[in-house]
C-alpha atoms as a PDB file:
ATOM      1  CA  UNK A   1      -6.303 -20.593 -16.548  1.00  0.00           C
ATOM      2  CA  UNK A   2      -3.474 -18.372 -14.200  1.00  0.00           C
ATOM      3  CA  UNK A   3      -0.989 -19.943 -16.320  1.00  0.00           C
ATOM      4  CA  UNK A   4      -2.344 -19.369 -19.503  1.00  0.00           C
ATOM      5  CA  UNK A   5      -3.393 -15.575 -18.910  1.00  0.00           C
ATOM      6  CA  UNK A   6       0.680 -15.114 -18.010  1.00  0.00           C
ATOM      7  CA  UNK A   7       1.523 -16.936 -21.512  1.00  0.00           C
ATOM      8  CA  UNK A   8      -0.852 -14.391 -23.462  1.00  0.00           C
ATOM      9  CA  UNK A   9       0.370 -11.436 -21.266  1.00  0.00           C
ATOM     10  CA  UNK A  10       3.456 -12.323 -22.530  1.00  0.00           C
ATOM     11  CA  UNK A  11       2.479 -13.038 -26.123  1.00  0.00           C
ATOM     12  CA  UNK A  12       0.692  -9.510 -26.130  1.00  0.00           C
ATOM     13  CA  UNK A  13       3.696  -7.610 -24.263  1.00  0.00           C
ATOM     14  CA  UNK A  14       5.465  -6.154 -28.229  1.00  0.00           C
ATOM     15  CA  UNK A  15       1.947  -4.858 -28.956  1.00  0.00           C
ATOM     16  CA  UNK A  16       1.400  -3.175 -25.481  1.00  0.00           C
ATOM     17  CA  UNK A  17       5.030  -1.547 -25.860  1.00  0.00           C
ATOM     18  CA  UNK A  18       4.414   0.354 -29.041  1.00  0.00           C
ATOM     19  CA  UNK A  19       0.717   1.119 -27.379  1.00  0.00           C
ATOM     20  CA  UNK A  20       1.685   1.814 -23.964  1.00  0.00           C
ATOM     21  CA  UNK A  21       3.848   5.143 -24.677  1.00  0.00           C
ATOM     22  CA  UNK A  22       1.346   6.971 -26.634  1.00  0.00           C
ATOM     23  CA  UNK A  23      -1.536   5.926 -23.825  1.00  0.00           C
ATOM     24  CA  UNK A  24       0.450   7.143 -20.921  1.00  0.00           C
ATOM     25  CA  UNK A  25       2.519  10.212 -22.496  1.00  0.00           C
ATOM     26  CA  UNK A  26      -0.232  12.525 -20.621  1.00  0.00           C
ATOM     27  CA  UNK A  27       0.842  10.438 -17.328  1.00  0.00           C
ATOM     28  CA  UNK A  28       4.783  11.336 -17.043  1.00  0.00           C
ATOM     29  CA  UNK A  29       5.050  14.623 -14.642  1.00  0.00           C
ATOM     30  CA  UNK A  30       4.525  17.886 -16.447  1.00  0.00           C
ATOM     31  CA  UNK A  31       2.528  16.844 -19.430  1.00  0.00           C
ATOM     32  CA  UNK A  32      -0.386  18.408 -20.246  1.00  0.00           C
ATOM     33  CA  UNK A  33      -3.782  17.009 -18.990  1.00  0.00           C
ATOM     34  CA  UNK A  34      -6.733  17.167 -21.323  1.00  0.00           C
ATOM     35  CA  UNK A  35      -8.976  19.628 -19.159  1.00  0.00           C
ATOM     36  CA  UNK A  36      -5.656  21.832 -18.902  1.00  0.00           C
ATOM     37  CA  UNK A  37      -2.674  21.801 -16.110  1.00  0.00           C
ATOM     38  CA  UNK A  38      -0.145  19.322 -15.938  1.00  0.00           C
ATOM     39  CA  UNK A  39       0.175  15.843 -14.798  1.00  0.00           C
ATOM     40  CA  UNK A  40       1.916  16.759 -10.930  1.00  0.00           C
ATOM     41  CA  UNK A  41       4.946  15.268  -9.824  1.00  0.00           C
ATOM     42  CA  UNK A  42       5.136  12.250  -7.561  1.00  0.00           C
ATOM     43  CA  UNK A  43       8.560  10.782  -8.376  1.00  0.00           C
ATOM     44  CA  UNK A  44      10.700  10.868  -5.343  1.00  0.00           C
ATOM     45  CA  UNK A  45      11.406   9.863  -1.778  1.00  0.00           C
ATOM     46  CA  UNK A  46       8.501  10.361   0.962  1.00  0.00           C
ATOM     47  CA  UNK A  47       7.777  10.260   4.636  1.00  0.00           C
ATOM     48  CA  UNK A  48       5.100  10.026   6.565  1.00  0.00           C
ATOM     49  CA  UNK A  49       3.261  13.063   8.412  1.00  0.00           C
ATOM     50  CA  UNK A  50       1.477  11.113  10.903  1.00  0.00           C
ATOM     51  CA  UNK A  51       2.116   8.160  12.972  1.00  0.00           C
ATOM     52  CA  UNK A  52       2.082   4.762  12.634  1.00  0.00           C
ATOM     53  CA  UNK A  53      -1.432   4.121  13.380  1.00  0.00           C
ATOM     54  CA  UNK A  54      -3.393   3.627   9.918  1.00  0.00           C
ATOM     55  CA  UNK A  55      -6.070   6.344  11.207  1.00  0.00           C
ATOM     56  CA  UNK A  56      -4.323   9.224  12.271  1.00  0.00           C
ATOM     57  CA  UNK A  57      -7.266  10.096  14.071  1.00  0.00           C
ATOM     58  CA  UNK A  58      -7.330   6.832  16.089  1.00  0.00           C
ATOM     59  CA  UNK A  59     -10.998   6.298  14.926  1.00  0.00           C
ATOM     60  CA  UNK A  60     -11.969   2.678  14.627  1.00  0.00           C
ATOM     61  CA  UNK A  61     -13.403   1.644  11.834  1.00  0.00           C
ATOM     62  CA  UNK A  62     -17.205   0.593  11.470  1.00  0.00           C
ATOM     63  CA  UNK A  63     -17.114  -2.748  12.449  1.00  0.00           C
ATOM     64  CA  UNK A  64     -19.633  -5.335  12.157  1.00  0.00           C
ATOM     65  CA  UNK A  65     -20.755  -7.103  15.721  1.00  0.00           C
ATOM     66  CA  UNK A  66     -18.904 -10.047  14.499  1.00  0.00           C
ATOM     67  CA  UNK A  67     -15.275  -8.042  13.957  1.00  0.00           C
ATOM     68  CA  UNK A  68     -16.197  -5.597  16.663  1.00  0.00           C
ATOM     69  CA  UNK A  69     -16.069  -9.006  18.791  1.00  0.00           C
ATOM     70  CA  UNK A  70     -12.906  -9.949  17.435  1.00  0.00           C
ATOM     71  CA  UNK A  71     -11.501  -6.287  18.493  1.00  0.00           C
ATOM     72  CA  UNK A  72     -12.516  -6.289  21.693  1.00  0.00           C
ATOM     73  CA  UNK A  73     -11.706 -10.166  22.055  1.00  0.00           C
ATOM     74  CA  UNK A  74      -7.894  -9.324  21.051  1.00  0.00           C
ATOM     75  CA  UNK A  75      -7.635  -6.281  23.695  1.00  0.00           C
ATOM     76  CA  UNK A  76      -8.782  -8.772  26.418  1.00  0.00           C
ATOM     77  CA  UNK A  77      -6.421 -11.445  25.626  1.00  0.00           C
ATOM     78  CA  UNK A  78      -3.691  -8.749  25.259  1.00  0.00           C
ATOM     79  CA  UNK A  79      -5.076  -7.090  28.865  1.00  0.00           C
ATOM     80  CA  UNK A  80      -4.217 -10.896  30.225  1.00  0.00           C
ATOM     81  CA  UNK A  81      -0.782 -10.814  28.983  1.00  0.00           C
ATOM     82  CA  UNK A  82      -1.441 -13.050  26.457  1.00  0.00           C
ATOM     83  CA  UNK A  83       0.183 -12.571  22.600  1.00  0.00           C
ATOM     84  CA  UNK A  84      -1.932 -11.036  20.174  1.00  0.00           C
ATOM     85  CA  UNK A  85       1.037 -11.052  17.426  1.00  0.00           C
ATOM     86  CA  UNK A  86       1.487  -8.370  14.861  1.00  0.00           C
ATOM     87  CA  UNK A  87       1.871 -10.541  11.932  1.00  0.00           C
ATOM     88  CA  UNK A  88       4.901  -8.287  10.229  1.00  0.00           C
ATOM     89  CA  UNK A  89       6.601  -9.382  13.671  1.00  0.00           C
ATOM     90  CA  UNK A  90       7.447 -12.639  11.814  1.00  0.00           C
ATOM     91  CA  UNK A  91       8.568 -10.700   9.083  1.00  0.00           C
ATOM     92  CA  UNK A  92       5.832 -10.965   7.019  1.00  0.00           C
ATOM     93  CA  UNK A  93       5.458  -7.928   4.530  1.00  0.00           C
ATOM     94  CA  UNK A  94       2.606  -5.357   5.727  1.00  0.00           C
ATOM     95  CA  UNK A  95       0.224  -5.730   3.086  1.00  0.00           C
ATOM     96  CA  UNK A  96      -1.743  -3.263   1.577  1.00  0.00           C
ATOM     97  CA  UNK A  97      -3.499  -0.814   2.823  1.00  0.00           C
ATOM     98  CA  UNK A  98      -0.598  -1.118   5.963  1.00  0.00           C
ATOM     99  CA  UNK A  99       1.863  -0.462   3.436  1.00  0.00           C
ATOM    100  CA  UNK A 100       0.818   3.171   3.128  1.00  0.00           C
ATOM    101  CA  UNK A 101       1.323   3.797   6.532  1.00  0.00           C
ATOM    102  CA  UNK A 102       4.919   4.111   5.846  1.00  0.00           C
ATOM    103  CA  UNK A 103       6.845   2.976   9.093  1.00  0.00           C
ATOM    104  CA  UNK A 104       9.726   4.315   6.642  1.00  0.00           C
ATOM    105  CA  UNK A 105      10.397   6.301   3.841  1.00  0.00           C
ATOM    106  CA  UNK A 106       8.950   5.836   0.079  1.00  0.00           C
ATOM    107  CA  UNK A 107      10.264   6.068  -3.308  1.00  0.00           C
ATOM    108  CA  UNK A 108       7.649   6.942  -5.767  1.00  0.00           C
ATOM    109  CA  UNK A 109       8.633   6.075  -9.511  1.00  0.00           C
ATOM    110  CA  UNK A 110       6.257   7.964 -12.245  1.00  0.00           C
ATOM    111  CA  UNK A 111       6.756   6.237 -15.604  1.00  0.00           C
ATOM    112  CA  UNK A 112       4.739   5.879 -18.569  1.00  0.00           C
ATOM    113  CA  UNK A 113       1.923   3.231 -17.894  1.00  0.00           C
ATOM    114  CA  UNK A 114       2.636   2.642 -14.053  1.00  0.00           C
ATOM    115  CA  UNK A 115       3.299   4.507 -11.106  1.00  0.00           C
ATOM    116  CA  UNK A 116       5.961   2.171  -8.524  1.00  0.00           C
ATOM    117  CA  UNK A 117       5.997   2.530  -4.813  1.00  0.00           C
ATOM    118  CA  UNK A 118       8.778   1.126  -2.991  1.00  0.00           C
ATOM    119  CA  UNK A 119       8.576   0.933   0.200  1.00  0.00           C
ATOM    120  CA  UNK A 120      11.599   0.701   2.516  1.00  0.00           C
ATOM    121  CA  UNK A 121       9.855  -1.399   5.130  1.00  0.00           C
ATOM    122  CA  UNK A 122      10.691  -5.422   4.065  1.00  0.00           C
ATOM    123  CA  UNK A 123      11.936  -3.686   0.621  1.00  0.00           C
ATOM    124  CA  UNK A 124       8.399  -4.190  -0.629  1.00  0.00           C
ATOM    125  CA  UNK A 125       7.558  -2.996  -4.247  1.00  0.00           C
ATOM    126  CA  UNK A 126       3.642  -1.693  -5.069  1.00  0.00           C
ATOM    127  CA  UNK A 127       2.651  -1.540  -8.780  1.00  0.00           C
ATOM    128  CA  UNK A 128      -0.045   0.667 -10.092  1.00  0.00           C
ATOM    129  CA  UNK A 129      -0.737  -0.050 -13.640  1.00  0.00           C
ATOM    130  CA  UNK A 130      -1.947   3.136 -15.342  1.00  0.00           C
ATOM    131  CA  UNK A 131      -1.874   2.078 -19.033  1.00  0.00           C
ATOM    132  CA  UNK A 132      -5.434   1.679 -19.088  1.00  0.00           C
ATOM    133  CA  UNK A 133      -5.634  -2.061 -18.500  1.00  0.00           C
ATOM    134  CA  UNK A 134      -8.359  -3.591 -16.245  1.00  0.00           C
ATOM    135  CA  UNK A 135      -8.237  -6.289 -13.420  1.00  0.00           C
ATOM    136  CA  UNK A 136      -7.811  -9.606 -14.078  1.00  0.00           C
ATOM    137  CA  UNK A 137     -11.107 -11.836 -14.299  1.00  0.00           C
ATOM    138  CA  UNK A 138     -11.800 -12.714 -10.638  1.00  0.00           C
ATOM    139  CA  UNK A 139     -10.904 -16.623 -11.383  1.00  0.00           C
ATOM    140  CA  UNK A 140      -7.482 -15.640 -12.252  1.00  0.00           C
ATOM    141  CA  UNK A 141      -6.441 -13.150 -10.113  1.00  0.00           C
ATOM    142  CA  UNK A 142      -3.569 -13.551  -7.510  1.00  0.00           C
ATOM    143  CA  UNK A 143      -4.314 -12.978  -3.962  1.00  0.00           C
ATOM    144  CA  UNK A 144      -1.055 -11.180  -2.402  1.00  0.00           C
ATOM    145  CA  UNK A 145      -0.258  -8.723   0.307  1.00  0.00           C
ATOM    146  CA  UNK A 146      -0.115  -5.768  -1.536  1.00  0.00           C
ATOM    147  CA  UNK A 147      -2.990  -6.892  -4.057  1.00  0.00           C
ATOM    148  CA  UNK A 148      -3.510  -5.718  -8.191  1.00  0.00           C
ATOM    149  CA  UNK A 149      -3.845  -1.801  -8.621  1.00  0.00           C
ATOM    150  CA  UNK A 150      -4.766   0.019 -11.269  1.00  0.00           C
ATOM    151  CA  UNK A 151      -5.145   3.312 -11.719  1.00  0.00           C
ATOM    152  CA  UNK A 152      -6.059   6.596 -13.522  1.00  0.00           C
ATOM    153  CA  UNK A 153      -5.724  10.286 -13.670  1.00  0.00           C
ATOM    154  CA  UNK A 154      -8.794  12.787 -12.934  1.00  0.00           C
ATOM    155  CA  UNK A 155      -7.448  15.902 -13.714  1.00  0.00           C
ATOM    156  CA  UNK A 156      -4.366  16.046 -10.863  1.00  0.00           C
ATOM    157  CA  UNK A 157      -5.698  13.283  -9.074  1.00  0.00           C
ATOM    158  CA  UNK A 158      -4.475   9.791  -9.283  1.00  0.00           C
ATOM    159  CA  UNK A 159      -7.303   7.581  -8.568  1.00  0.00           C
ATOM    160  CA  UNK A 160      -6.328   3.895  -7.557  1.00  0.00           C
ATOM    161  CA  UNK A 161      -8.315   0.705  -7.236  1.00  0.00           C
ATOM    162  CA  UNK A 162      -6.672  -2.587  -5.354  1.00  0.00           C
ATOM    163  CA  UNK A 163      -8.049  -5.884  -5.084  1.00  0.00           C
ATOM    164  CA  UNK A 164      -6.660  -9.297  -4.728  1.00  0.00           C
ATOM    165  CA  UNK A 165      -5.820  -8.463  -1.124  1.00  0.00           C
ATOM    166  CA  UNK A 166      -4.839 -11.291   1.483  1.00  0.00           C
ATOM    167  CA  UNK A 167      -7.569 -11.201   4.426  1.00  0.00           C
ATOM    168  CA  UNK A 168      -4.675 -12.218   7.120  1.00  0.00           C
ATOM    169  CA  UNK A 169      -3.056  -8.607   7.254  1.00  0.00           C
ATOM    170  CA  UNK A 170      -3.452  -6.205   9.553  1.00  0.00           C
ATOM    171  CA  UNK A 171      -3.616  -1.900   9.573  1.00  0.00           C
ATOM    172  CA  UNK A 172      -1.171  -1.392  12.214  1.00  0.00           C
ATOM    173  CA  UNK A 173       0.361  -3.135  15.229  1.00  0.00           C
ATOM    174  CA  UNK A 174      -3.117  -3.163  17.128  1.00  0.00           C
ATOM    175  CA  UNK A 175      -5.470  -6.051  16.713  1.00  0.00           C
ATOM    176  CA  UNK A 176      -7.758  -4.145  14.232  1.00  0.00           C
ATOM    177  CA  UNK A 177      -8.619  -7.135  11.624  1.00  0.00           C
ATOM    178  CA  UNK A 178     -10.478  -7.306   8.301  1.00  0.00           C
ATOM    179  CA  UNK A 179     -11.661 -10.096   5.865  1.00  0.00           C
ATOM    180  CA  UNK A 180     -10.244 -11.694   2.393  1.00  0.00           C
ATOM    181  CA  UNK A 181     -13.365  -9.516   1.147  1.00  0.00           C
ATOM    182  CA  UNK A 182     -11.123  -5.843   1.604  1.00  0.00           C
ATOM    183  CA  UNK A 183     -10.665  -3.815  -1.303  1.00  0.00           C
ATOM    184  CA  UNK A 184      -9.075  -0.153  -1.202  1.00  0.00           C
ATOM    185  CA  UNK A 185      -9.740   2.654  -3.107  1.00  0.00           C
ATOM    186  CA  UNK A 186      -7.301   5.667  -3.509  1.00  0.00           C
ATOM    187  CA  UNK A 187      -7.144   9.376  -4.051  1.00  0.00           C
ATOM    188  CA  UNK A 188      -3.748  10.680  -4.275  1.00  0.00           C
ATOM    189  CA  UNK A 189      -2.582  14.446  -4.998  1.00  0.00           C
ATOM    190  CA  UNK A 190      -0.293  17.225  -4.149  1.00  0.00           C
ATOM    191  CA  UNK A 191      -1.396  18.950  -1.439  1.00  0.00           C
ATOM    192  CA  UNK A 192       1.208  21.524  -1.877  1.00  0.00           C
ATOM    193  CA  UNK A 193       4.505  20.872  -3.738  1.00  0.00           C
ATOM    194  CA  UNK A 194       5.910  19.172  -1.222  1.00  0.00           C
ATOM    195  CA  UNK A 195       2.880  17.133   0.511  1.00  0.00           C
ATOM    196  CA  UNK A 196       1.094  14.205  -1.381  1.00  0.00           C
ATOM    197  CA  UNK A 197      -2.537  13.675   0.450  1.00  0.00           C
ATOM    198  CA  UNK A 198      -3.556   9.762   0.264  1.00  0.00           C
ATOM    199  CA  UNK A 199      -7.424   9.539   0.774  1.00  0.00           C
ATOM    200  CA  UNK A 200      -7.825   5.946   1.548  1.00  0.00           C
ATOM    201  CA  UNK A 201     -11.272   4.001   1.272  1.00  0.00           C
ATOM    202  CA  UNK A 202     -11.386   0.431   2.772  1.00  0.00           C
ATOM    203  CA  UNK A 203     -14.472  -1.714   1.902  1.00  0.00           C
ATOM    204  CA  UNK A 204     -14.954  -4.773   3.269  1.00  0.00           C
ATOM    205  CA  UNK A 205     -18.686  -6.302   3.495  1.00  0.00           C
ATOM    206  CA  UNK A 206     -17.659  -9.023   5.896  1.00  0.00           C
ATOM    207  CA  UNK A 207     -16.075  -6.668   8.298  1.00  0.00           C
ATOM    208  CA  UNK A 208     -17.223  -3.085   7.874  1.00  0.00           C
ATOM    209  CA  UNK A 209     -20.983  -2.110   7.721  1.00  0.00           C
ATOM    210  CA  UNK A 210     -19.868   0.956   5.679  1.00  0.00           C
ATOM    211  CA  UNK A 211     -16.772   2.149   3.877  1.00  0.00           C
ATOM    212  CA  UNK A 212     -13.584   3.062   6.027  1.00  0.00           C
ATOM    213  CA  UNK A 213     -11.991   6.484   5.101  1.00  0.00           C
ATOM    214  CA  UNK A 214      -8.733   7.185   6.427  1.00  0.00           C
ATOM    215  CA  UNK A 215      -7.012  10.467   4.680  1.00  0.00           C
ATOM    216  CA  UNK A 216      -3.131  10.004   5.104  1.00  0.00           C
ATOM    217  CA  UNK A 217      -0.333  12.588   4.243  1.00  0.00           C
ATOM    218  CA  UNK A 218       3.367  12.446   3.463  1.00  0.00           C
ATOM    219  CA  UNK A 219       6.231  15.071   2.935  1.00  0.00           C
ATOM    220  CA  UNK A 220       8.746  14.595   0.205  1.00  0.00           C
ATOM    221  CA  UNK A 221      12.141  13.883   1.571  1.00  0.00           C
ATOM    222  CA  UNK A 222      15.189  16.313   2.175  1.00  0.00           C
ATOM    223  CA  UNK A 223      17.556  16.391  -0.932  1.00  0.00           C
ATOM    224  CA  UNK A 224      19.784  13.317  -1.044  1.00  0.00           C
ATOM    225  CA  UNK A 225      17.773  10.880   1.178  1.00  0.00           C
ATOM    226  CA  UNK A 226      17.322   7.409  -0.268  1.00  0.00           C
ATOM    227  CA  UNK A 227      15.593   4.303   0.711  1.00  0.00           C
ATOM    228  CA  UNK A 228      17.656   1.893   2.321  1.00  0.00           C
ATOM    229  CA  UNK A 229      17.717  -2.260   2.180  1.00  0.00           C
ATOM    230  CA  UNK A 230      15.884  -3.343   5.193  1.00  0.00           C
ATOM    231  CA  UNK A 231      16.184  -7.427   5.605  1.00  0.00           C
ATOM    232  CA  UNK A 232      13.994  -8.009   8.366  1.00  0.00           C
ATOM    233  CA  UNK A 233      15.014 -12.063   8.576  1.00  0.00           C
ATOM    234  CA  UNK A 234      18.486 -10.396   9.539  1.00  0.00           C
ATOM    235  CA  UNK A 235      17.319  -8.200  12.128  1.00  0.00           C
ATOM    236  CA  UNK A 236      19.201  -5.259  10.519  1.00  0.00           C
ATOM    237  CA  UNK A 237      17.302  -2.597  12.262  1.00  0.00           C
ATOM    238  CA  UNK A 238      17.661  -3.419  16.235  1.00  0.00           C
ATOM    239  CA  UNK A 239      20.959  -5.107  16.146  1.00  0.00           C
ATOM    240  CA  UNK A 240      21.528  -6.991  19.106  1.00  0.00           C
ATOM    241  CA  UNK A 241      25.667  -7.106  19.870  1.00  0.00           C
ATOM    242  CA  UNK A 242      27.295 -10.466  21.438  1.00  0.00           C
ATOM    243  CA  UNK A 243      28.194  -8.458  24.591  1.00  0.00           C
ATOM    244  CA  UNK A 244      24.490  -7.851  25.072  1.00  0.00           C
ATOM    245  CA  UNK A 245      23.137 -11.223  25.059  1.00  0.00           C
ATOM    246  CA  UNK A 246      22.527 -12.905  28.289  1.00  0.00           C
ATOM    247  CA  UNK A 247      24.727 -15.714  29.149  1.00  0.00           C
ATOM    248  CA  UNK A 248      23.649 -18.965  30.307  1.00  0.00           C
ATOM    249  CA  UNK A 249      24.180 -19.488  34.188  1.00  0.00           C
END
């Protein structure tokens, strides 16, 4: 079924190529919006304004009893000195919504029919389709680290819905867990010309008793700032020199 959908998508590409520019012209930065005003310009490099905890307020999510117990058990294990590994310590991608913590800068490219978010962390790419398409049928949806994202503009706010997310990622380095029923919605807007506000709503009927709403902010990077290559497998962010290695007795 998934292969068939990909073949159909390829076959439809020439048609979409003609339709997308017309449907998406109002999505380009500076384009006039139907209700007045213009589409905001998100294009550029952005750096997190808060810390690397997913929720800047440090409040815990509204866990169900089962997931609250999982969290308590993980904290107890850590207090005993046991290793409760962060998946990213094995060079796995952070996944969504942790990618939006932006431990390293993000680059946003705002084009007709798509908003692309490139994370320096693990060189991850997130595509938000704004060409009017919906999510694939559930039986054809690939479950991935960053999921399948679609978006549309409500005035000057980009509204995004993300599904198809893995259940084995984490929200941050703490042992906050979720299930494979997780879904993420976002409302991104320019709070001012140099600040993006992202209101992130996480729903998970197995892990949470109600939606968990977290607000994060990003500051526009200085002129000339670029994202760098990030290769976790080579540990190029914590280089160990030969002289620092302990010699065997």
